[in-house]
Amino acid sequence: MHRAAASVPLALCALLGLAPAALARTTTLTPREIRVAVGDEAGFMLLSNARSGHRWRWISAPNRRIARPLPVQQIPMNDIVNGPAGRVTVYVVGRAPGSTRGVVGYFAPGASKPSKLVRIRVVVRAH
């Protein structure tokens, strides 16, 4: 397994940091950065288990003039989706050169507040 790919589960397990006052019980994960060219798609994967009802979703989307966020999607992996933790994709499409930020949150079934956050910086460069 590629070293960067192996660090994803470790980063998810090492939940460090404090959340904003409005989300006092929310744990913030290590910030992520997506670097992408205009017209290209890039992002990263997170652990998830669709069967448990927990979901990742955009809380604060990046500026759409700079990067269009794609829906957070479960990767169809047959047994993984229906059993132990699988993966979801957090991707954007670069639209114009610049930098923007966004946040995705991990929600329990029926929850109105996320239990985990991933803060994302998106840097889009010209082709």
N, C-alpha and C. Protein backbone atom coordinates (compact mmCIF):
# COMPACT_ATOMS: atom_id res chain seq x y z
N MET A 1 0.85 -1.17 0.00
CA MET A 1 0.00 0.00 0.00
C MET A 1 0.88 1.22 0.00
N HIS A 2 0.50 2.21 -0.78
CA HIS A 2 1.24 3.46 -0.84
C HIS A 2 1.25 4.12 0.53
N ARG A 3 2.35 4.72 0.89
CA ARG A 3 2.50 5.30 2.23
C ARG A 3 1.43 6.35 2.53
N ALA A 4 1.11 7.25 1.56
CA ALA A 4 0.09 8.27 1.79
C ALA A 4 -1.27 7.64 2.01
N ALA A 5 -1.58 6.60 1.24
CA ALA A 5 -2.87 5.93 1.41
C ALA A 5 -2.95 5.26 2.77
N ALA A 6 -1.85 4.74 3.25
CA ALA A 6 -1.84 4.08 4.56
C ALA A 6 -2.05 5.08 5.68
N SER A 7 -1.66 6.35 5.47
CA SER A 7 -1.79 7.34 6.53
C SER A 7 -3.23 7.83 6.71
N VAL A 8 -4.10 7.63 5.70
CA VAL A 8 -5.49 8.09 5.81
C VAL A 8 -6.18 7.46 7.01
N PRO A 9 -6.18 6.10 7.17
CA PRO A 9 -6.84 5.54 8.35
C PRO A 9 -6.20 6.00 9.65
N LEU A 10 -4.88 6.19 9.66
CA LEU A 10 -4.21 6.64 10.88
C LEU A 10 -4.65 8.04 11.24
N ALA A 11 -4.78 8.91 10.22
CA ALA A 11 -5.21 10.28 10.48
C ALA A 11 -6.63 10.31 11.02
N LEU A 12 -7.47 9.42 10.50
CA LEU A 12 -8.85 9.38 10.97
C LEU A 12 -8.92 8.87 12.40
N CYS A 13 -8.01 8.02 12.79
CA CYS A 13 -8.02 7.49 14.15
C CYS A 13 -7.44 8.49 15.14
N ALA A 14 -6.53 9.30 14.67
CA ALA A 14 -5.89 10.28 15.55
C ALA A 14 -6.69 11.57 15.56
N LEU A 15 -7.80 11.55 16.23
CA LEU A 15 -8.70 12.71 16.26
C LEU A 15 -8.19 13.72 17.29
N LEU A 16 -7.61 14.79 16.75
CA LEU A 16 -7.01 15.80 17.63
C LEU A 16 -7.62 17.16 17.38
N GLY A 17 -7.47 18.05 18.33
CA GLY A 17 -7.88 19.43 18.16
C GLY A 17 -9.22 19.73 18.80
N LEU A 18 -9.55 21.01 18.83
CA LEU A 18 -10.82 21.46 19.42
C LEU A 18 -11.70 22.03 18.33
N ALA A 19 -12.99 21.88 18.50
CA ALA A 19 -13.95 22.39 17.53
C ALA A 19 -14.35 23.81 17.90
N PRO A 20 -14.97 24.52 16.95
CA PRO A 20 -15.48 25.85 17.27
C PRO A 20 -16.51 25.77 18.39
N ALA A 21 -16.75 26.88 19.08
CA ALA A 21 -17.66 26.89 20.22
C ALA A 21 -19.04 26.36 19.86
N ALA A 22 -19.53 26.63 18.65
CA ALA A 22 -20.85 26.18 18.24
C ALA A 22 -20.92 24.67 18.11
N LEU A 23 -19.78 24.03 17.93
CA LEU A 23 -19.72 22.58 17.77
C LEU A 23 -18.79 22.02 18.84
N ALA A 24 -19.03 22.35 20.09
CA ALA A 24 -18.11 22.05 21.18
C ALA A 24 -17.73 20.59 21.28
N ARG A 25 -18.60 19.68 20.92
CA ARG A 25 -18.27 18.26 21.03
C ARG A 25 -17.72 17.68 19.73
N THR A 26 -17.59 18.49 18.72
CA THR A 26 -17.09 18.02 17.44
C THR A 26 -15.57 17.96 17.44
N THR A 27 -15.02 16.90 16.92
CA THR A 27 -13.58 16.76 16.82
C THR A 27 -13.13 17.17 15.43
N THR A 28 -12.09 17.97 15.34
CA THR A 28 -11.57 18.42 14.06
C THR A 28 -10.42 17.51 13.65
N LEU A 29 -10.51 16.98 12.45
CA LEU A 29 -9.43 16.16 11.92
C LEU A 29 -8.36 17.06 11.33
N THR A 30 -7.20 16.49 11.07
CA THR A 30 -6.11 17.23 10.46
C THR A 30 -6.59 17.88 9.16
N PRO A 31 -6.30 19.16 8.96
CA PRO A 31 -6.73 19.83 7.72
C PRO A 31 -6.15 19.13 6.49
N ARG A 32 -6.88 19.23 5.40
CA ARG A 32 -6.46 18.65 4.12
C ARG A 32 -6.29 19.76 3.11
N GLU A 33 -5.51 19.47 2.07
CA GLU A 33 -5.36 20.41 0.96
C GLU A 33 -5.56 19.65 -0.34
N ILE A 34 -6.33 20.26 -1.23
CA ILE A 34 -6.52 19.72 -2.57
C ILE A 34 -5.89 20.70 -3.54
N ARG A 35 -4.97 20.22 -4.36
CA ARG A 35 -4.36 21.04 -5.41
C ARG A 35 -4.84 20.48 -6.74
N VAL A 36 -5.39 21.37 -7.57
CA VAL A 36 -6.01 20.93 -8.82
C VAL A 36 -5.83 22.01 -9.89
N ALA A 37 -5.80 21.60 -11.15
CA ALA A 37 -5.73 22.54 -12.26
C ALA A 37 -7.14 22.87 -12.73
N VAL A 38 -7.30 24.02 -13.36
CA VAL A 38 -8.59 24.42 -13.92
C VAL A 38 -9.06 23.32 -14.88
N GLY A 39 -10.30 22.87 -14.71
CA GLY A 39 -10.88 21.84 -15.56
C GLY A 39 -10.62 20.42 -15.10
N ASP A 40 -9.73 20.23 -14.13
CA ASP A 40 -9.43 18.89 -13.62
C ASP A 40 -10.19 18.61 -12.33
N GLU A 41 -10.22 17.34 -11.95
CA GLU A 41 -10.87 16.88 -10.73
C GLU A 41 -9.81 16.30 -9.81
N ALA A 42 -9.88 16.63 -8.53
CA ALA A 42 -8.94 16.09 -7.56
C ALA A 42 -9.60 16.07 -6.19
N GLY A 43 -9.03 15.26 -5.28
CA GLY A 43 -9.57 15.18 -3.94
C GLY A 43 -8.91 14.10 -3.14
N PHE A 44 -9.66 13.51 -2.19
CA PHE A 44 -9.12 12.48 -1.32
C PHE A 44 -10.24 11.57 -0.86
N MET A 45 -9.88 10.48 -0.18
CA MET A 45 -10.86 9.53 0.33
C MET A 45 -10.87 9.54 1.85
N LEU A 46 -12.03 9.24 2.43
CA LEU A 46 -12.19 9.11 3.87
C LEU A 46 -12.87 7.78 4.17
N LEU A 47 -12.65 7.28 5.38
CA LEU A 47 -13.34 6.07 5.81
C LEU A 47 -14.81 6.37 6.08
N SER A 48 -15.67 5.43 5.73
CA SER A 48 -17.09 5.58 5.99
C SER A 48 -17.76 4.21 5.91
N ASN A 49 -18.95 4.10 6.46
CA ASN A 49 -19.71 2.85 6.37
C ASN A 49 -21.17 3.22 6.14
N ALA A 50 -21.60 3.10 4.88
CA ALA A 50 -22.97 3.50 4.52
C ALA A 50 -24.02 2.70 5.28
N ARG A 51 -23.74 1.47 5.60
CA ARG A 51 -24.72 0.62 6.28
C ARG A 51 -25.04 1.13 7.68
N SER A 52 -24.09 1.78 8.32
CA SER A 52 -24.31 2.28 9.69
C SER A 52 -25.20 3.52 9.72
N GLY A 53 -25.41 4.14 8.57
CA GLY A 53 -26.22 5.35 8.52
C GLY A 53 -25.43 6.62 8.73
N HIS A 54 -24.15 6.51 9.08
CA HIS A 54 -23.30 7.69 9.21
C HIS A 54 -22.96 8.20 7.82
N ARG A 55 -22.89 9.52 7.66
CA ARG A 55 -22.62 10.11 6.36
C ARG A 55 -21.67 11.29 6.46
N TRP A 56 -20.78 11.41 5.48
CA TRP A 56 -19.97 12.61 5.30
C TRP A 56 -20.75 13.52 4.35
N ARG A 57 -20.74 14.84 4.60
CA ARG A 57 -21.32 15.77 3.64
C ARG A 57 -20.67 17.14 3.80
N TRP A 58 -20.76 17.92 2.73
CA TRP A 58 -20.22 19.27 2.77
C TRP A 58 -21.03 20.10 3.76
N ILE A 59 -20.36 20.78 4.67
CA ILE A 59 -20.99 21.72 5.59
C ILE A 59 -20.82 23.13 5.02
N SER A 60 -19.62 23.39 4.58
CA SER A 60 -19.28 24.68 3.99
C SER A 60 -18.53 24.38 2.70
N ALA A 61 -19.16 24.63 1.56
CA ALA A 61 -18.55 24.31 0.27
C ALA A 61 -17.52 25.37 -0.11
N PRO A 62 -16.53 24.97 -0.90
CA PRO A 62 -15.57 25.96 -1.42
C PRO A 62 -16.29 26.97 -2.31
N ASN A 63 -15.66 28.10 -2.52
CA ASN A 63 -16.20 29.12 -3.42
C ASN A 63 -16.37 28.50 -4.81
N ARG A 64 -17.59 28.43 -5.30
CA ARG A 64 -17.89 27.75 -6.57
C ARG A 64 -17.29 28.46 -7.78
N ARG A 65 -16.91 29.71 -7.65
CA ARG A 65 -16.23 30.38 -8.76
C ARG A 65 -14.82 29.84 -8.94
N ILE A 66 -14.23 29.31 -7.86
CA ILE A 66 -12.86 28.79 -7.90
C ILE A 66 -12.86 27.27 -8.05
N ALA A 67 -13.70 26.57 -7.27
CA ALA A 67 -13.72 25.10 -7.30
C ALA A 67 -15.15 24.61 -7.05
N ARG A 68 -15.65 23.77 -7.93
CA ARG A 68 -17.00 23.21 -7.76
C ARG A 68 -16.90 21.92 -6.96
N PRO A 69 -17.51 21.86 -5.78
CA PRO A 69 -17.46 20.63 -4.99
C PRO A 69 -18.37 19.57 -5.60
N LEU A 70 -17.89 18.34 -5.67
CA LEU A 70 -18.71 17.22 -6.12
C LEU A 70 -19.38 16.61 -4.90
N PRO A 71 -20.53 15.95 -5.06
CA PRO A 71 -21.16 15.31 -3.91
C PRO A 71 -20.21 14.29 -3.27
N VAL A 72 -20.21 14.22 -1.94
CA VAL A 72 -19.42 13.20 -1.25
C VAL A 72 -20.11 11.87 -1.54
N GLN A 73 -19.36 10.93 -2.13
CA GLN A 73 -19.98 9.69 -2.61
C GLN A 73 -19.29 8.45 -2.04
N GLN A 74 -20.10 7.46 -1.72
CA GLN A 74 -19.58 6.15 -1.31
C GLN A 74 -18.97 5.47 -2.53
N ILE A 75 -17.82 4.87 -2.36
CA ILE A 75 -17.20 4.12 -3.45
C ILE A 75 -17.84 2.74 -3.46
N PRO A 76 -18.46 2.34 -4.57
CA PRO A 76 -19.10 1.02 -4.60
C PRO A 76 -18.06 -0.09 -4.56
N MET A 77 -17.94 -0.74 -3.41
CA MET A 77 -16.94 -1.79 -3.25
C MET A 77 -17.58 -3.07 -2.74
N ASN A 78 -18.83 -3.33 -3.14
CA ASN A 78 -19.55 -4.55 -2.80
C ASN A 78 -19.52 -4.87 -1.32
N ASP A 79 -18.73 -5.84 -0.90
CA ASP A 79 -18.72 -6.30 0.49
C ASP A 79 -18.31 -5.21 1.47
N ILE A 80 -17.40 -4.33 1.04
CA ILE A 80 -16.92 -3.30 1.95
C ILE A 80 -18.06 -2.35 2.33
N VAL A 81 -18.90 -1.98 1.37
CA VAL A 81 -20.00 -1.06 1.65
C VAL A 81 -20.98 -1.67 2.63
N ASN A 82 -21.20 -2.98 2.55
CA ASN A 82 -22.18 -3.65 3.40
C ASN A 82 -21.59 -4.24 4.67
N GLY A 83 -20.30 -4.14 4.84
CA GLY A 83 -19.67 -4.73 6.02
C GLY A 83 -18.84 -3.71 6.76
N PRO A 84 -17.55 -3.97 6.91
CA PRO A 84 -16.68 -3.04 7.64
C PRO A 84 -16.55 -1.72 6.88
N ALA A 85 -15.84 -0.82 7.50
CA ALA A 85 -15.70 0.53 6.93
C ALA A 85 -15.23 0.49 5.49
N GLY A 86 -15.85 1.33 4.65
CA GLY A 86 -15.46 1.50 3.26
C GLY A 86 -14.84 2.87 3.08
N ARG A 87 -14.98 3.40 1.89
CA ARG A 87 -14.39 4.71 1.58
C ARG A 87 -15.43 5.60 0.92
N VAL A 88 -15.27 6.91 1.10
CA VAL A 88 -16.04 7.90 0.36
C VAL A 88 -15.05 8.86 -0.29
N THR A 89 -15.49 9.51 -1.37
CA THR A 89 -14.64 10.47 -2.07
C THR A 89 -15.08 11.89 -1.75
N VAL A 90 -14.11 12.75 -1.54
CA VAL A 90 -14.35 14.19 -1.36
C VAL A 90 -13.54 14.85 -2.48
N TYR A 91 -14.22 15.26 -3.55
CA TYR A 91 -13.55 15.77 -4.74
C TYR A 91 -14.11 17.14 -5.13
N VAL A 92 -13.28 17.90 -5.85
CA VAL A 92 -13.69 19.18 -6.43
C VAL A 92 -13.20 19.22 -7.87
N VAL A 93 -13.82 20.11 -8.66
CA VAL A 93 -13.39 20.39 -10.02
C VAL A 93 -12.88 21.82 -10.04
N GLY A 94 -11.64 22.01 -10.50
CA GLY A 94 -11.08 23.36 -10.58
C GLY A 94 -11.79 24.19 -11.63
N ARG A 95 -12.15 25.44 -11.27
CA ARG A 95 -12.88 26.30 -12.22
C ARG A 95 -12.08 27.54 -12.60
N ALA A 96 -11.37 28.14 -11.65
CA ALA A 96 -10.59 29.35 -11.93
C ALA A 96 -9.41 29.40 -10.96
N PRO A 97 -8.28 29.95 -11.38
CA PRO A 97 -7.13 30.03 -10.48
C PRO A 97 -7.48 30.78 -9.20
N GLY A 98 -6.98 30.26 -8.09
CA GLY A 98 -7.22 30.90 -6.80
C GLY A 98 -7.19 29.90 -5.67
N SER A 99 -7.56 30.36 -4.49
CA SER A 99 -7.57 29.53 -3.29
C SER A 99 -8.90 29.73 -2.57
N THR A 100 -9.44 28.66 -2.01
CA THR A 100 -10.69 28.72 -1.29
C THR A 100 -10.68 27.65 -0.21
N ARG A 101 -11.65 27.67 0.67
CA ARG A 101 -11.73 26.69 1.75
C ARG A 101 -13.12 26.09 1.83
N GLY A 102 -13.18 24.91 2.42
CA GLY A 102 -14.45 24.24 2.65
C GLY A 102 -14.33 23.31 3.84
N VAL A 103 -15.46 22.76 4.28
CA VAL A 103 -15.48 21.84 5.42
C VAL A 103 -16.46 20.72 5.11
N VAL A 104 -16.04 19.47 5.37
CA VAL A 104 -16.97 18.35 5.33
C VAL A 104 -17.13 17.82 6.75
N GLY A 105 -18.33 17.34 7.06
CA GLY A 105 -18.62 16.83 8.39
C GLY A 105 -19.14 15.41 8.34
N TYR A 106 -18.95 14.69 9.44
CA TYR A 106 -19.39 13.30 9.58
C TYR A 106 -20.59 13.29 10.51
N PHE A 107 -21.75 12.89 9.99
CA PHE A 107 -23.01 12.95 10.73
C PHE A 107 -23.52 11.57 11.07
N ALA A 108 -23.92 11.39 12.32
CA ALA A 108 -24.60 10.16 12.75
C ALA A 108 -26.03 10.20 12.20
N PRO A 109 -26.69 9.05 12.12
CA PRO A 109 -28.07 9.04 11.62
C PRO A 109 -28.96 10.00 12.41
N GLY A 110 -29.63 10.90 11.72
CA GLY A 110 -30.55 11.84 12.35
C GLY A 110 -29.90 13.01 13.07
N ALA A 111 -28.58 13.06 13.12
CA ALA A 111 -27.89 14.13 13.85
C ALA A 111 -27.93 15.44 13.08
N SER A 112 -28.06 16.55 13.80
CA SER A 112 -28.03 17.86 13.16
C SER A 112 -26.65 18.50 13.22
N LYS A 113 -25.77 17.96 14.08
CA LYS A 113 -24.39 18.45 14.19
C LYS A 113 -23.43 17.32 13.87
N PRO A 114 -22.32 17.64 13.20
CA PRO A 114 -21.34 16.60 12.88
C PRO A 114 -20.53 16.18 14.10
N SER A 115 -20.08 14.94 14.09
CA SER A 115 -19.21 14.46 15.16
C SER A 115 -17.74 14.63 14.81
N LYS A 116 -17.44 14.82 13.53
CA LYS A 116 -16.07 15.02 13.05
C LYS A 116 -16.11 16.05 11.93
N LEU A 117 -15.01 16.78 11.79
CA LEU A 117 -14.87 17.77 10.72
C LEU A 117 -13.55 17.57 9.99
N VAL A 118 -13.55 17.84 8.70
CA VAL A 118 -12.31 17.91 7.94
C VAL A 118 -12.31 19.28 7.25
N ARG A 119 -11.35 20.10 7.59
CA ARG A 119 -11.22 21.42 6.98
C ARG A 119 -10.34 21.26 5.74
N ILE A 120 -10.81 21.84 4.63
CA ILE A 120 -10.15 21.62 3.35
C ILE A 120 -9.76 22.96 2.73
N ARG A 121 -8.52 23.04 2.31
CA ARG A 121 -8.04 24.19 1.53
C ARG A 121 -7.91 23.69 0.09
N VAL A 122 -8.49 24.45 -0.85
CA VAL A 122 -8.43 24.09 -2.26
C VAL A 122 -7.63 25.15 -2.99
N VAL A 123 -6.58 24.71 -3.70
CA VAL A 123 -5.75 25.61 -4.49
C VAL A 123 -5.89 25.19 -5.95
N VAL A 124 -6.41 26.12 -6.77
CA VAL A 124 -6.61 25.85 -8.20
C VAL A 124 -5.59 26.66 -8.99
N ARG A 125 -4.92 25.98 -9.89
CA ARG A 125 -3.92 26.63 -10.73
C ARG A 125 -4.38 26.60 -12.20
N ALA A 126 -3.88 27.54 -13.00
CA ALA A 126 -4.18 27.54 -14.43
C ALA A 126 -3.50 26.34 -15.08
N HIS A 127 -4.06 25.86 -16.14
CA HIS A 127 -3.47 24.70 -16.85
C HIS A 127 -2.14 25.03 -17.43
